[in-house]
Amino acid sequence: MPKCFFSLLPARCKKTGEVRQEVVAGVTSLAPERADAARLLALVRGQWQIENQSHWVRDVTFDEDRSQVRCGNIPQVMAALRNTVIGLMRWAGHTNIAAACRHFAAQPRAALHLIGLELEN
């Protein structure tokens, strides 16, 4: 049976350093003995880590929200391609995806090398 939970968490604004309280609400199907406050907090923080690492990069770096691709399966294909590119860049050790995009745009041979392709001279 799904259960609702609410939590008051501190949140810090990166620009100003101001700390404020945020209400986090959620629904869980975990049994009560597995849904203590520490476990729910870890799950919520884990979700935000995914949001910050993947969705935020797709929204900001790849400007996904302004994409005009809307027909058929193309939006899902483009999302899969963006996720693949982000994954390849992270696998190659890049932590700043925007900087990695600029690097590979300036050095397309490096991008090809990343996927195992070499151009002959």
C-alpha atoms as a PDB file:
ATOM      1  CA  MET A   1       0.000   0.000   0.000  1.00  0.00           C
ATOM      2  CA  PRO A   2       1.562   3.367  -0.996  1.00  0.00           C
ATOM      3  CA  LYS A   3       2.391   5.755   1.833  1.00  0.00           C
ATOM      4  CA  CYS A   4       3.026   9.516   1.669  1.00  0.00           C
ATOM      5  CA  PHE A   5       5.871  11.211   3.460  1.00  0.00           C
ATOM      6  CA  PHE A   6       6.944  14.799   4.007  1.00  0.00           C
ATOM      7  CA  SER A   7      10.282  16.113   5.122  1.00  0.00           C
ATOM      8  CA  LEU A   8      11.711  19.549   5.841  1.00  0.00           C
ATOM      9  CA  LEU A   9      15.244  19.778   4.418  1.00  0.00           C
ATOM     10  CA  PRO A  10      17.783  22.589   4.384  1.00  0.00           C
ATOM     11  CA  ALA A  11      18.682  23.866   0.919  1.00  0.00           C
ATOM     12  CA  ARG A  12      21.523  26.263   0.114  1.00  0.00           C
ATOM     13  CA  CYS A  13      21.360  28.723  -2.793  1.00  0.00           C
ATOM     14  CA  LYS A  14      24.642  28.352  -4.719  1.00  0.00           C
ATOM     15  CA  LYS A  15      24.711  32.013  -5.815  1.00  0.00           C
ATOM     16  CA  THR A  16      24.000  33.699  -2.475  1.00  0.00           C
ATOM     17  CA  GLY A  17      24.844  30.996   0.070  1.00  0.00           C
ATOM     18  CA  GLU A  18      21.463  31.595   1.692  1.00  0.00           C
ATOM     19  CA  VAL A  19      20.046  28.581   3.500  1.00  0.00           C
ATOM     20  CA  ARG A  20      16.299  27.992   3.392  1.00  0.00           C
ATOM     21  CA  GLN A  21      13.989  25.140   4.330  1.00  0.00           C
ATOM     22  CA  GLU A  22      12.376  23.078   1.571  1.00  0.00           C
ATOM     23  CA  VAL A  23       9.447  20.750   1.987  1.00  0.00           C
ATOM     24  CA  VAL A  24       9.980  17.474   0.174  1.00  0.00           C
ATOM     25  CA  ALA A  25       6.962  15.264  -0.419  1.00  0.00           C
ATOM     26  CA  GLY A  26       6.976  11.734  -1.717  1.00  0.00           C
ATOM     27  CA  VAL A  27       5.140   8.479  -2.068  1.00  0.00           C
ATOM     28  CA  THR A  28       6.684   5.124  -1.282  1.00  0.00           C
ATOM     29  CA  SER A  29       5.590   1.528  -1.461  1.00  0.00           C
ATOM     30  CA  LEU A  30       8.295   0.435   0.998  1.00  0.00           C
ATOM     31  CA  ALA A  31       7.136  -1.435   4.059  1.00  0.00           C
ATOM     32  CA  PRO A  32       7.235   0.715   7.229  1.00  0.00           C
ATOM     33  CA  GLU A  33      10.218  -1.199   8.631  1.00  0.00           C
ATOM     34  CA  ARG A  34      12.202  -0.336   5.460  1.00  0.00           C
ATOM     35  CA  ALA A  35      10.979   3.272   5.200  1.00  0.00           C
ATOM     36  CA  ASP A  36      12.590   4.979   8.176  1.00  0.00           C
ATOM     37  CA  ALA A  37      13.602   8.642   7.894  1.00  0.00           C
ATOM     38  CA  ALA A  38      17.260   7.914   7.080  1.00  0.00           C
ATOM     39  CA  ARG A  39      16.347   5.524   4.256  1.00  0.00           C
ATOM     40  CA  LEU A  40      13.789   7.913   2.746  1.00  0.00           C
ATOM     41  CA  LEU A  41      16.288  10.777   2.925  1.00  0.00           C
ATOM     42  CA  ALA A  42      18.920   8.668   1.140  1.00  0.00           C
ATOM     43  CA  LEU A  43      16.421   7.755  -1.579  1.00  0.00           C
ATOM     44  CA  VAL A  44      15.382  11.383  -2.091  1.00  0.00           C
ATOM     45  CA  ARG A  45      18.997  12.562  -2.238  1.00  0.00           C
ATOM     46  CA  GLY A  46      19.829   9.782  -4.681  1.00  0.00           C
ATOM     47  CA  GLN A  47      17.005  10.936  -6.942  1.00  0.00           C
ATOM     48  CA  TRP A  48      18.312  14.502  -6.891  1.00  0.00           C
ATOM     49  CA  GLN A  49      21.794  13.239  -7.745  1.00  0.00           C
ATOM     50  CA  ILE A  50      20.334  11.581 -10.855  1.00  0.00           C
ATOM     51  CA  GLU A  51      18.461  14.798 -11.689  1.00  0.00           C
ATOM     52  CA  ASN A  52      21.592  16.900 -11.327  1.00  0.00           C
ATOM     53  CA  GLN A  53      23.862  14.549 -13.270  1.00  0.00           C
ATOM     54  CA  SER A  54      21.618  13.613 -16.151  1.00  0.00           C
ATOM     55  CA  HIS A  55      18.475  15.646 -16.621  1.00  0.00           C
ATOM     56  CA  TRP A  56      20.053  18.982 -15.759  1.00  0.00           C
ATOM     57  CA  VAL A  57      22.881  18.381 -18.249  1.00  0.00           C
ATOM     58  CA  ARG A  58      20.375  17.425 -20.935  1.00  0.00           C
ATOM     59  CA  ASP A  59      18.227  20.481 -20.200  1.00  0.00           C
ATOM     60  CA  VAL A  60      21.002  23.064 -19.921  1.00  0.00           C
ATOM     61  CA  THR A  61      23.972  21.839 -21.944  1.00  0.00           C
ATOM     62  CA  PHE A  62      21.990  20.258 -24.786  1.00  0.00           C
ATOM     63  CA  ASP A  63      19.058  22.735 -24.500  1.00  0.00           C
ATOM     64  CA  GLU A  64      16.686  19.769 -24.694  1.00  0.00           C
ATOM     65  CA  ASP A  65      13.644  21.710 -23.515  1.00  0.00           C
ATOM     66  CA  ARG A  66      13.735  23.920 -26.620  1.00  0.00           C
ATOM     67  CA  SER A  67      14.080  21.012 -29.044  1.00  0.00           C
ATOM     68  CA  GLN A  68      11.524  21.186 -31.840  1.00  0.00           C
ATOM     69  CA  VAL A  69      11.716  17.457 -32.538  1.00  0.00           C
ATOM     70  CA  ARG A  70       8.229  16.213 -31.691  1.00  0.00           C
ATOM     71  CA  CYS A  71       7.128  13.596 -34.242  1.00  0.00           C
ATOM     72  CA  GLY A  72       7.045   9.828 -33.865  1.00  0.00           C
ATOM     73  CA  ASN A  73       9.935   8.157 -32.052  1.00  0.00           C
ATOM     74  CA  ILE A  74      12.433  10.897 -32.840  1.00  0.00           C
ATOM     75  CA  PRO A  75      12.248  12.568 -29.377  1.00  0.00           C
ATOM     76  CA  GLN A  76      13.105   9.242 -27.681  1.00  0.00           C
ATOM     77  CA  VAL A  77      15.893   8.577 -30.181  1.00  0.00           C
ATOM     78  CA  MET A  78      17.391  12.029 -29.592  1.00  0.00           C
ATOM     79  CA  ALA A  79      17.170  11.567 -25.802  1.00  0.00           C
ATOM     80  CA  ALA A  80      18.942   8.207 -26.131  1.00  0.00           C
ATOM     81  CA  LEU A  81      21.664   9.812 -28.277  1.00  0.00           C
ATOM     82  CA  ARG A  82      22.145  12.627 -25.758  1.00  0.00           C
ATOM     83  CA  ASN A  83      22.348  10.107 -22.904  1.00  0.00           C
ATOM     84  CA  THR A  84      24.894   8.073 -24.880  1.00  0.00           C
ATOM     85  CA  VAL A  85      27.039  11.145 -25.505  1.00  0.00           C
ATOM     86  CA  ILE A  86      26.882  12.154 -21.833  1.00  0.00           C
ATOM     87  CA  GLY A  87      27.762   8.593 -20.794  1.00  0.00           C
ATOM     88  CA  LEU A  88      30.716   8.445 -23.199  1.00  0.00           C
ATOM     89  CA  MET A  89      32.043  11.753 -21.945  1.00  0.00           C
ATOM     90  CA  ARG A  90      31.734  10.683 -18.314  1.00  0.00           C
ATOM     91  CA  TRP A  91      33.357   7.324 -19.148  1.00  0.00           C
ATOM     92  CA  ALA A  92      36.247   9.249 -20.720  1.00  0.00           C
ATOM     93  CA  GLY A  93      36.712  11.115 -17.435  1.00  0.00           C
ATOM     94  CA  HIS A  94      35.019  14.428 -18.234  1.00  0.00           C
ATOM     95  CA  THR A  95      33.122  15.886 -15.302  1.00  0.00           C
ATOM     96  CA  ASN A  96      32.134  19.145 -17.012  1.00  0.00           C
ATOM     97  CA  ILE A  97      29.992  18.059 -19.967  1.00  0.00           C
ATOM     98  CA  ALA A  98      29.681  21.583 -21.408  1.00  0.00           C
ATOM     99  CA  ALA A  99      33.479  21.917 -21.492  1.00  0.00           C
ATOM    100  CA  ALA A 100      33.756  18.443 -23.027  1.00  0.00           C
ATOM    101  CA  CYS A 101      31.267  19.436 -25.755  1.00  0.00           C
ATOM    102  CA  ARG A 102      33.377  22.494 -26.570  1.00  0.00           C
ATOM    103  CA  HIS A 103      36.528  20.339 -26.593  1.00  0.00           C
ATOM    104  CA  PHE A 104      35.057  17.792 -28.992  1.00  0.00           C
ATOM    105  CA  ALA A 105      33.542  20.515 -31.205  1.00  0.00           C
ATOM    106  CA  ALA A 106      36.999  22.056 -31.578  1.00  0.00           C
ATOM    107  CA  GLN A 107      38.700  18.666 -31.999  1.00  0.00           C
ATOM    108  CA  PRO A 108      36.365  16.334 -33.917  1.00  0.00           C
ATOM    109  CA  ARG A 109      39.135  13.733 -34.307  1.00  0.00           C
ATOM    110  CA  ALA A 110      39.148  13.354 -30.529  1.00  0.00           C
ATOM    111  CA  ALA A 111      35.387  12.697 -30.624  1.00  0.00           C
ATOM    112  CA  LEU A 112      35.860  10.040 -33.300  1.00  0.00           C
ATOM    113  CA  HIS A 113      38.709   8.490 -31.297  1.00  0.00           C
ATOM    114  CA  LEU A 114      36.396   8.283 -28.276  1.00  0.00           C
ATOM    115  CA  ILE A 115      34.070   5.969 -30.221  1.00  0.00           C
ATOM    116  CA  GLY A 116      36.936   3.976 -31.711  1.00  0.00           C
ATOM    117  CA  LEU A 117      37.163   5.589 -35.158  1.00  0.00           C
ATOM    118  CA  GLU A 118      40.320   6.999 -36.732  1.00  0.00           C
ATOM    119  CA  LEU A 119      40.509   9.077 -39.895  1.00  0.00           C
ATOM    120  CA  GLU A 120      43.234   8.273 -42.364  1.00  0.00           C
ATOM    121  CA  ASN A 121      45.326  11.178 -43.592  1.00  0.00           C
END
